[in-house]
């Protein structure tokens, strides 16, 4: 296995008890700090579909605007979707959708912020995933071969584990 800078040698699976059972991590004694996470993903599509999305001519309406709202709404409900995920008071969620003719497709970037005892990585990732799924849903009538790819955390700050940033962040 190749070395991965995102994996630390002292990493442990905190959602597993000493007997291997899944449980929710107790964050009551952790300090509330400012935390931020950014995630990205892409929807790759046919050039004709890309042109419809970019021009705002999809039959179902404003694909990018709807995907932006879906991503924000999803981030706010992450705790309902991901087992054992804490409910967070988010101070900000932003979702950027950038048409990219070189794919062709849309690059989705989401950033979530909070001040609390646990991070917002899952909220940023959920925002990206749901925004990508919304783009697919709104354009699948013309292009069922679209691909959602590259959904990943690209940066985080705050908390005990410190800062993280991938080198090739788009």
Protein backbone atom coordinates (compact mmCIF):
# COMPACT_ATOMS: atom_id res chain seq x y z
CA UNK A 1 0.00 0.00 0.00
CA UNK A 2 1.37 3.42 -0.96
CA UNK A 3 1.87 6.10 1.64
CA UNK A 4 -1.11 8.43 1.90
CA UNK A 5 -0.53 11.79 3.64
CA UNK A 6 -4.22 11.93 4.56
CA UNK A 7 -3.87 8.83 6.77
CA UNK A 8 -2.02 9.16 10.04
CA UNK A 9 -0.20 6.25 11.62
CA UNK A 10 -1.98 6.82 14.94
CA UNK A 11 -5.44 6.94 13.36
CA UNK A 12 -8.10 4.97 15.18
CA UNK A 13 -11.71 4.29 14.37
CA UNK A 14 -13.42 6.38 17.02
CA UNK A 15 -16.91 5.14 16.16
CA UNK A 16 -16.05 1.62 17.31
CA UNK A 17 -16.14 0.57 20.95
CA UNK A 18 -13.40 -1.57 22.47
CA UNK A 19 -15.49 -4.62 21.52
CA UNK A 20 -15.96 -3.47 17.91
CA UNK A 21 -19.54 -2.22 18.22
CA UNK A 22 -20.60 0.99 16.49
CA UNK A 23 -21.35 3.88 18.86
CA UNK A 24 -21.66 7.64 18.80
CA UNK A 25 -18.52 9.42 19.98
CA UNK A 26 -18.96 11.48 23.15
CA UNK A 27 -17.78 15.03 22.37
CA UNK A 28 -19.06 16.60 25.61
CA UNK A 29 -15.56 17.19 26.99
CA UNK A 30 -14.04 18.49 23.74
CA UNK A 31 -13.39 22.21 23.39
CA UNK A 32 -15.65 24.19 21.10
CA UNK A 33 -13.39 25.63 18.41
CA UNK A 34 -13.89 27.24 15.03
CA UNK A 35 -13.96 24.52 12.38
CA UNK A 36 -14.21 24.58 8.60
CA UNK A 37 -14.16 21.91 5.90
CA UNK A 38 -14.18 22.07 2.11
CA UNK A 39 -15.07 19.22 -0.22
CA UNK A 40 -15.28 18.88 -3.98
CA UNK A 41 -16.71 16.61 -6.64
CA UNK A 42 -17.56 16.59 -10.34
CA UNK A 43 -20.38 15.64 -12.63
CA UNK A 44 -18.99 14.67 -16.02
CA UNK A 45 -21.50 14.74 -18.87
CA UNK A 46 -21.90 14.80 -22.62
CA UNK A 47 -21.04 18.09 -24.31
CA UNK A 48 -24.68 18.60 -25.36
CA UNK A 49 -25.82 18.21 -21.76
CA UNK A 50 -23.10 20.59 -20.58
CA UNK A 51 -24.34 23.22 -23.03
CA UNK A 52 -27.92 22.87 -21.71
CA UNK A 53 -26.76 23.25 -18.10
CA UNK A 54 -24.45 26.17 -18.84
CA UNK A 55 -27.15 28.02 -20.82
CA UNK A 56 -29.81 27.34 -18.19
CA UNK A 57 -32.00 25.59 -20.77
CA UNK A 58 -32.75 22.31 -18.98
CA UNK A 59 -36.43 21.34 -19.05
CA UNK A 60 -36.58 20.98 -15.27
CA UNK A 61 -35.31 24.55 -14.74
CA UNK A 62 -32.22 26.13 -13.21
CA UNK A 63 -29.96 23.13 -12.66
CA UNK A 64 -27.12 24.98 -10.95
CA UNK A 65 -29.35 27.08 -8.68
CA UNK A 66 -31.36 24.04 -7.64
CA UNK A 67 -28.21 22.00 -7.01
CA UNK A 68 -26.78 24.81 -4.87
CA UNK A 69 -29.89 24.87 -2.68
CA UNK A 70 -29.99 21.06 -2.47
CA UNK A 71 -26.38 20.98 -1.30
CA UNK A 72 -26.97 23.59 1.39
CA UNK A 73 -30.11 21.83 2.60
CA UNK A 74 -28.33 18.48 2.67
CA UNK A 75 -25.46 19.84 4.76
CA UNK A 76 -27.98 21.01 7.34
CA UNK A 77 -29.47 17.49 7.53
CA UNK A 78 -26.28 15.44 7.50
CA UNK A 79 -26.95 14.08 10.99
CA UNK A 80 -30.19 12.55 9.66
CA UNK A 81 -28.42 10.81 6.78
CA UNK A 82 -25.15 9.54 8.28
CA UNK A 83 -25.47 7.17 11.25
CA UNK A 84 -23.61 8.33 14.37
CA UNK A 85 -23.01 11.82 12.95
CA UNK A 86 -23.54 14.66 15.44
CA UNK A 87 -26.10 17.37 14.76
CA UNK A 88 -24.19 20.62 14.31
CA UNK A 89 -25.17 24.25 14.46
CA UNK A 90 -23.72 25.36 11.12
CA UNK A 91 -22.69 28.99 10.87
CA UNK A 92 -22.18 28.85 7.10
CA UNK A 93 -22.56 26.51 4.16
CA UNK A 94 -21.54 27.63 0.68
CA UNK A 95 -21.86 25.58 -2.49
CA UNK A 96 -20.13 26.71 -5.67
CA UNK A 97 -20.93 25.13 -9.03
CA UNK A 98 -18.45 25.84 -11.78
CA UNK A 99 -19.17 24.74 -15.36
CA UNK A 100 -15.97 23.32 -16.85
CA UNK A 101 -15.93 22.73 -20.60
CA UNK A 102 -12.73 20.67 -20.33
CA UNK A 103 -14.59 17.88 -18.50
CA UNK A 104 -17.24 18.64 -19.86
CA UNK A 105 -19.27 19.01 -16.70
CA UNK A 106 -19.65 20.84 -13.42
CA UNK A 107 -17.17 21.09 -10.55
CA UNK A 108 -18.96 21.32 -7.20
CA UNK A 109 -17.19 22.78 -4.16
CA UNK A 110 -18.80 23.11 -0.72
CA UNK A 111 -17.53 24.69 2.46
CA UNK A 112 -19.14 24.25 5.86
CA UNK A 113 -18.33 26.15 9.07
CA UNK A 114 -19.22 25.79 12.72
CA UNK A 115 -17.94 26.53 16.18
CA UNK A 116 -18.25 23.38 18.19
CA UNK A 117 -16.66 20.25 19.62
CA UNK A 118 -16.57 18.24 16.39
CA UNK A 119 -15.71 18.81 12.73
CA UNK A 120 -17.80 19.61 9.67
CA UNK A 121 -16.18 17.31 7.11
CA UNK A 122 -19.29 15.17 6.71
CA UNK A 123 -21.46 18.25 6.14
CA UNK A 124 -19.19 19.52 3.35
CA UNK A 125 -19.01 16.07 1.74
CA UNK A 126 -22.78 15.60 1.97
CA UNK A 127 -23.38 19.01 0.38
CA UNK A 128 -21.16 18.06 -2.58
CA UNK A 129 -22.69 14.60 -3.02
CA UNK A 130 -26.28 15.86 -2.96
CA UNK A 131 -25.53 18.80 -5.26
CA UNK A 132 -23.96 16.35 -7.74
CA UNK A 133 -26.95 14.00 -7.45
CA UNK A 134 -29.30 16.93 -8.08
CA UNK A 135 -27.45 17.85 -11.27
CA UNK A 136 -27.78 14.23 -12.37
CA UNK A 137 -31.47 14.10 -11.48
CA UNK A 138 -32.30 17.31 -13.33
CA UNK A 139 -30.50 16.28 -16.53
CA UNK A 140 -30.82 12.48 -16.62
CA UNK A 141 -33.60 12.68 -19.23
CA UNK A 142 -31.02 13.78 -21.80
CA UNK A 143 -27.89 12.03 -20.47
CA UNK A 144 -28.10 8.87 -18.35
CA UNK A 145 -24.37 8.25 -18.86
CA UNK A 146 -23.20 11.08 -16.62
CA UNK A 147 -20.59 10.25 -13.98
CA UNK A 148 -20.29 11.60 -10.48
CA UNK A 149 -16.65 11.39 -9.50
CA UNK A 150 -13.90 12.66 -7.30
CA UNK A 151 -16.02 13.43 -4.22
CA UNK A 152 -13.44 14.09 -1.51
CA UNK A 153 -12.41 16.28 1.36
CA UNK A 154 -9.91 18.86 0.13
CA UNK A 155 -9.33 20.94 3.26
CA UNK A 156 -10.20 21.17 6.93
CA UNK A 157 -9.17 23.40 9.78
CA UNK A 158 -9.72 23.45 13.50
CA UNK A 159 -10.00 20.77 16.10
CA UNK A 160 -7.51 18.47 17.79
CA UNK A 161 -6.27 16.86 14.57
CA UNK A 162 -5.29 20.24 13.10
CA UNK A 163 -5.33 21.38 9.52
CA UNK A 164 -5.41 19.28 6.36
CA UNK A 165 -5.25 20.31 2.70
CA UNK A 166 -4.75 18.22 -0.44
CA UNK A 167 -2.01 19.43 -2.72
CA UNK A 168 -3.92 19.36 -6.02
CA UNK A 169 -7.06 21.24 -4.92
CA UNK A 170 -8.88 22.60 -7.99
